[in-house]
C-alpha atoms as a PDB file:
ATOM      1  CA  UNK A   1      -3.385  14.352 -14.559  1.00  0.00           C
ATOM      2  CA  UNK A   2      -2.021  16.928 -16.907  1.00  0.00           C
ATOM      3  CA  UNK A   3       0.735  15.041 -19.401  1.00  0.00           C
ATOM      4  CA  UNK A   4       1.980  16.590 -21.833  1.00  0.00           C
ATOM      5  CA  UNK A   5       0.800  15.934 -25.469  1.00  0.00           C
ATOM      6  CA  UNK A   6       3.521  13.453 -26.679  1.00  0.00           C
ATOM      7  CA  UNK A   7       3.070  12.109 -22.987  1.00  0.00           C
ATOM      8  CA  UNK A   8      -0.857  11.976 -23.514  1.00  0.00           C
ATOM      9  CA  UNK A   9      -0.524  10.156 -26.560  1.00  0.00           C
ATOM     10  CA  UNK A  10       1.676   6.721 -25.845  1.00  0.00           C
ATOM     11  CA  UNK A  11      -0.681   5.642 -22.976  1.00  0.00           C
ATOM     12  CA  UNK A  12      -3.293   6.869 -24.586  1.00  0.00           C
ATOM     13  CA  UNK A  13      -2.206   4.614 -27.136  1.00  0.00           C
ATOM     14  CA  UNK A  14      -0.686   2.212 -24.732  1.00  0.00           C
ATOM     15  CA  UNK A  15      -4.694   1.871 -23.457  1.00  0.00           C
ATOM     16  CA  UNK A  16      -5.934   1.034 -27.616  1.00  0.00           C
ATOM     17  CA  UNK A  17      -3.223  -0.969 -28.682  1.00  0.00           C
ATOM     18  CA  UNK A  18      -2.298   1.711 -31.341  1.00  0.00           C
ATOM     19  CA  UNK A  19       0.246   1.196 -32.561  1.00  0.00           C
ATOM     20  CA  UNK A  20       0.845   3.768 -34.779  1.00  0.00           C
ATOM     21  CA  UNK A  21      -0.500   6.542 -32.858  1.00  0.00           C
ATOM     22  CA  UNK A  22       2.142   4.973 -30.728  1.00  0.00           C
ATOM     23  CA  UNK A  23       4.738   5.613 -33.009  1.00  0.00           C
ATOM     24  CA  UNK A  24       3.250   9.017 -34.322  1.00  0.00           C
ATOM     25  CA  UNK A  25       4.454  10.042 -30.861  1.00  0.00           C
ATOM     26  CA  UNK A  26       8.069   8.763 -30.493  1.00  0.00           C
ATOM     27  CA  UNK A  27      11.097  11.140 -32.604  1.00  0.00           C
ATOM     28  CA  UNK A  28      12.938   9.671 -35.393  1.00  0.00           C
ATOM     29  CA  UNK A  29      15.981   9.049 -32.717  1.00  0.00           C
ATOM     30  CA  UNK A  30      13.992   8.255 -29.724  1.00  0.00           C
ATOM     31  CA  UNK A  31      15.962   5.451 -27.729  1.00  0.00           C
ATOM     32  CA  UNK A  32      13.418   3.440 -25.201  1.00  0.00           C
ATOM     33  CA  UNK A  33      15.324   1.166 -22.261  1.00  0.00           C
ATOM     34  CA  UNK A  34      13.222  -1.397 -20.842  1.00  0.00           C
ATOM     35  CA  UNK A  35      13.637  -4.854 -19.128  1.00  0.00           C
ATOM     36  CA  UNK A  36      17.292  -4.533 -19.706  1.00  0.00           C
ATOM     37  CA  UNK A  37      17.378  -4.023 -23.645  1.00  0.00           C
ATOM     38  CA  UNK A  38      17.788  -0.785 -26.025  1.00  0.00           C
ATOM     39  CA  UNK A  39      15.017  -0.409 -28.362  1.00  0.00           C
ATOM     40  CA  UNK A  40      16.961   2.940 -31.167  1.00  0.00           C
ATOM     41  CA  UNK A  41      15.334   4.720 -34.332  1.00  0.00           C
ATOM     42  CA  UNK A  42      11.088   3.709 -34.924  1.00  0.00           C
ATOM     43  CA  UNK A  43      11.191   0.710 -36.683  1.00  0.00           C
ATOM     44  CA  UNK A  44      12.709  -1.223 -32.616  1.00  0.00           C
ATOM     45  CA  UNK A  45      10.746   0.717 -30.801  1.00  0.00           C
ATOM     46  CA  UNK A  46       6.681  -0.748 -32.847  1.00  0.00           C
ATOM     47  CA  UNK A  47       8.378  -3.938 -33.168  1.00  0.00           C
ATOM     48  CA  UNK A  48       8.995  -3.636 -28.905  1.00  0.00           C
ATOM     49  CA  UNK A  49       6.086  -2.767 -28.027  1.00  0.00           C
ATOM     50  CA  UNK A  50       3.951  -4.901 -30.355  1.00  0.00           C
ATOM     51  CA  UNK A  51       6.263  -7.995 -28.989  1.00  0.00           C
ATOM     52  CA  UNK A  52       5.584  -6.882 -25.206  1.00  0.00           C
ATOM     53  CA  UNK A  53       1.840  -6.380 -26.251  1.00  0.00           C
ATOM     54  CA  UNK A  54       2.006  -9.628 -27.261  1.00  0.00           C
ATOM     55  CA  UNK A  55       3.758 -11.342 -24.721  1.00  0.00           C
ATOM     56  CA  UNK A  56       2.257  -9.213 -21.426  1.00  0.00           C
ATOM     57  CA  UNK A  57      -1.071  -7.689 -23.314  1.00  0.00           C
ATOM     58  CA  UNK A  58      -0.540  -4.802 -20.896  1.00  0.00           C
ATOM     59  CA  UNK A  59      -2.525  -1.582 -19.847  1.00  0.00           C
ATOM     60  CA  UNK A  60      -0.905   1.287 -18.403  1.00  0.00           C
ATOM     61  CA  UNK A  61      -2.948   3.724 -16.140  1.00  0.00           C
ATOM     62  CA  UNK A  62      -0.667   6.883 -15.088  1.00  0.00           C
ATOM     63  CA  UNK A  63      -1.801   7.656 -11.752  1.00  0.00           C
ATOM     64  CA  UNK A  64       1.308  10.782 -11.058  1.00  0.00           C
ATOM     65  CA  UNK A  65       3.926  12.877 -12.701  1.00  0.00           C
ATOM     66  CA  UNK A  66       6.189  15.217 -11.600  1.00  0.00           C
ATOM     67  CA  UNK A  67       8.854  17.070 -14.034  1.00  0.00           C
ATOM     68  CA  UNK A  68      12.408  18.421 -13.065  1.00  0.00           C
ATOM     69  CA  UNK A  69      14.776  19.966 -16.735  1.00  0.00           C
ATOM     70  CA  UNK A  70      15.213  16.459 -17.258  1.00  0.00           C
ATOM     71  CA  UNK A  71      12.824  15.539 -18.369  1.00  0.00           C
ATOM     72  CA  UNK A  72       8.945  14.170 -16.893  1.00  0.00           C
ATOM     73  CA  UNK A  73       8.749  11.096 -14.903  1.00  0.00           C
ATOM     74  CA  UNK A  74       4.247   9.022 -14.499  1.00  0.00           C
ATOM     75  CA  UNK A  75       4.247   7.073 -12.162  1.00  0.00           C
ATOM     76  CA  UNK A  76       1.514   4.201 -13.589  1.00  0.00           C
ATOM     77  CA  UNK A  77      -0.257   1.245 -13.514  1.00  0.00           C
ATOM     78  CA  UNK A  78       0.692  -1.710 -14.931  1.00  0.00           C
ATOM     79  CA  UNK A  79      -1.697  -4.922 -15.381  1.00  0.00           C
ATOM     80  CA  UNK A  80      -1.646  -7.872 -17.358  1.00  0.00           C
ATOM     81  CA  UNK A  81      -0.102 -11.366 -18.207  1.00  0.00           C
ATOM     82  CA  UNK A  82       3.116 -11.152 -16.153  1.00  0.00           C
ATOM     83  CA  UNK A  83       3.325 -12.478 -12.353  1.00  0.00           C
ATOM     84  CA  UNK A  84       2.368  -9.577  -9.732  1.00  0.00           C
ATOM     85  CA  UNK A  85       0.450  -7.713 -12.190  1.00  0.00           C
ATOM     86  CA  UNK A  86      -0.825  -4.883 -11.337  1.00  0.00           C
ATOM     87  CA  UNK A  87       2.164  -3.316 -10.605  1.00  0.00           C
ATOM     88  CA  UNK A  88       3.286  -0.076 -10.348  1.00  0.00           C
ATOM     89  CA  UNK A  89       6.092   1.337 -12.478  1.00  0.00           C
ATOM     90  CA  UNK A  90       7.621   4.032 -13.505  1.00  0.00           C
ATOM     91  CA  UNK A  91       7.937   6.311 -16.806  1.00  0.00           C
ATOM     92  CA  UNK A  92      11.187   8.258 -17.906  1.00  0.00           C
ATOM     93  CA  UNK A  93      10.011  10.677 -20.728  1.00  0.00           C
ATOM     94  CA  UNK A  94      12.262  13.261 -22.346  1.00  0.00           C
ATOM     95  CA  UNK A  95      10.477  15.754 -24.743  1.00  0.00           C
ATOM     96  CA  UNK A  96      12.486  17.168 -27.612  1.00  0.00           C
ATOM     97  CA  UNK A  97      10.203  19.876 -30.152  1.00  0.00           C
ATOM     98  CA  UNK A  98       6.956  18.124 -28.822  1.00  0.00           C
ATOM     99  CA  UNK A  99       7.883  14.565 -29.128  1.00  0.00           C
ATOM    100  CA  UNK A 100       8.985  12.030 -27.339  1.00  0.00           C
ATOM    101  CA  UNK A 101      13.214  11.297 -27.370  1.00  0.00           C
ATOM    102  CA  UNK A 102      14.077   9.078 -24.420  1.00  0.00           C
ATOM    103  CA  UNK A 103      12.096   7.345 -22.276  1.00  0.00           C
ATOM    104  CA  UNK A 104      13.001   3.659 -19.463  1.00  0.00           C
ATOM    105  CA  UNK A 105      10.569   1.937 -18.472  1.00  0.00           C
ATOM    106  CA  UNK A 106      11.377   0.508 -15.000  1.00  0.00           C
END
């Protein structure tokens, strides 16, 4: 599957539970939207991801990707400690200068 470098880095870091590598895929001013909450900046994003890993022990595996002029959408199979696992979730990325500036999950 042909994913942009930052998106590939996000999923690789998620699968290996590497918070430092995951944060390296984001811009300084990135925004993440997940489960009705918004996280702005690298430290809030890092804390969101660590808490989600602790809570769900999840792992996301991309299964398809589409792109348009506004971003990249990835459908992934997410498995972990949550009801109805595994589930397919959409990840919508906006990239700027080779890093993730926005991510919306759901």
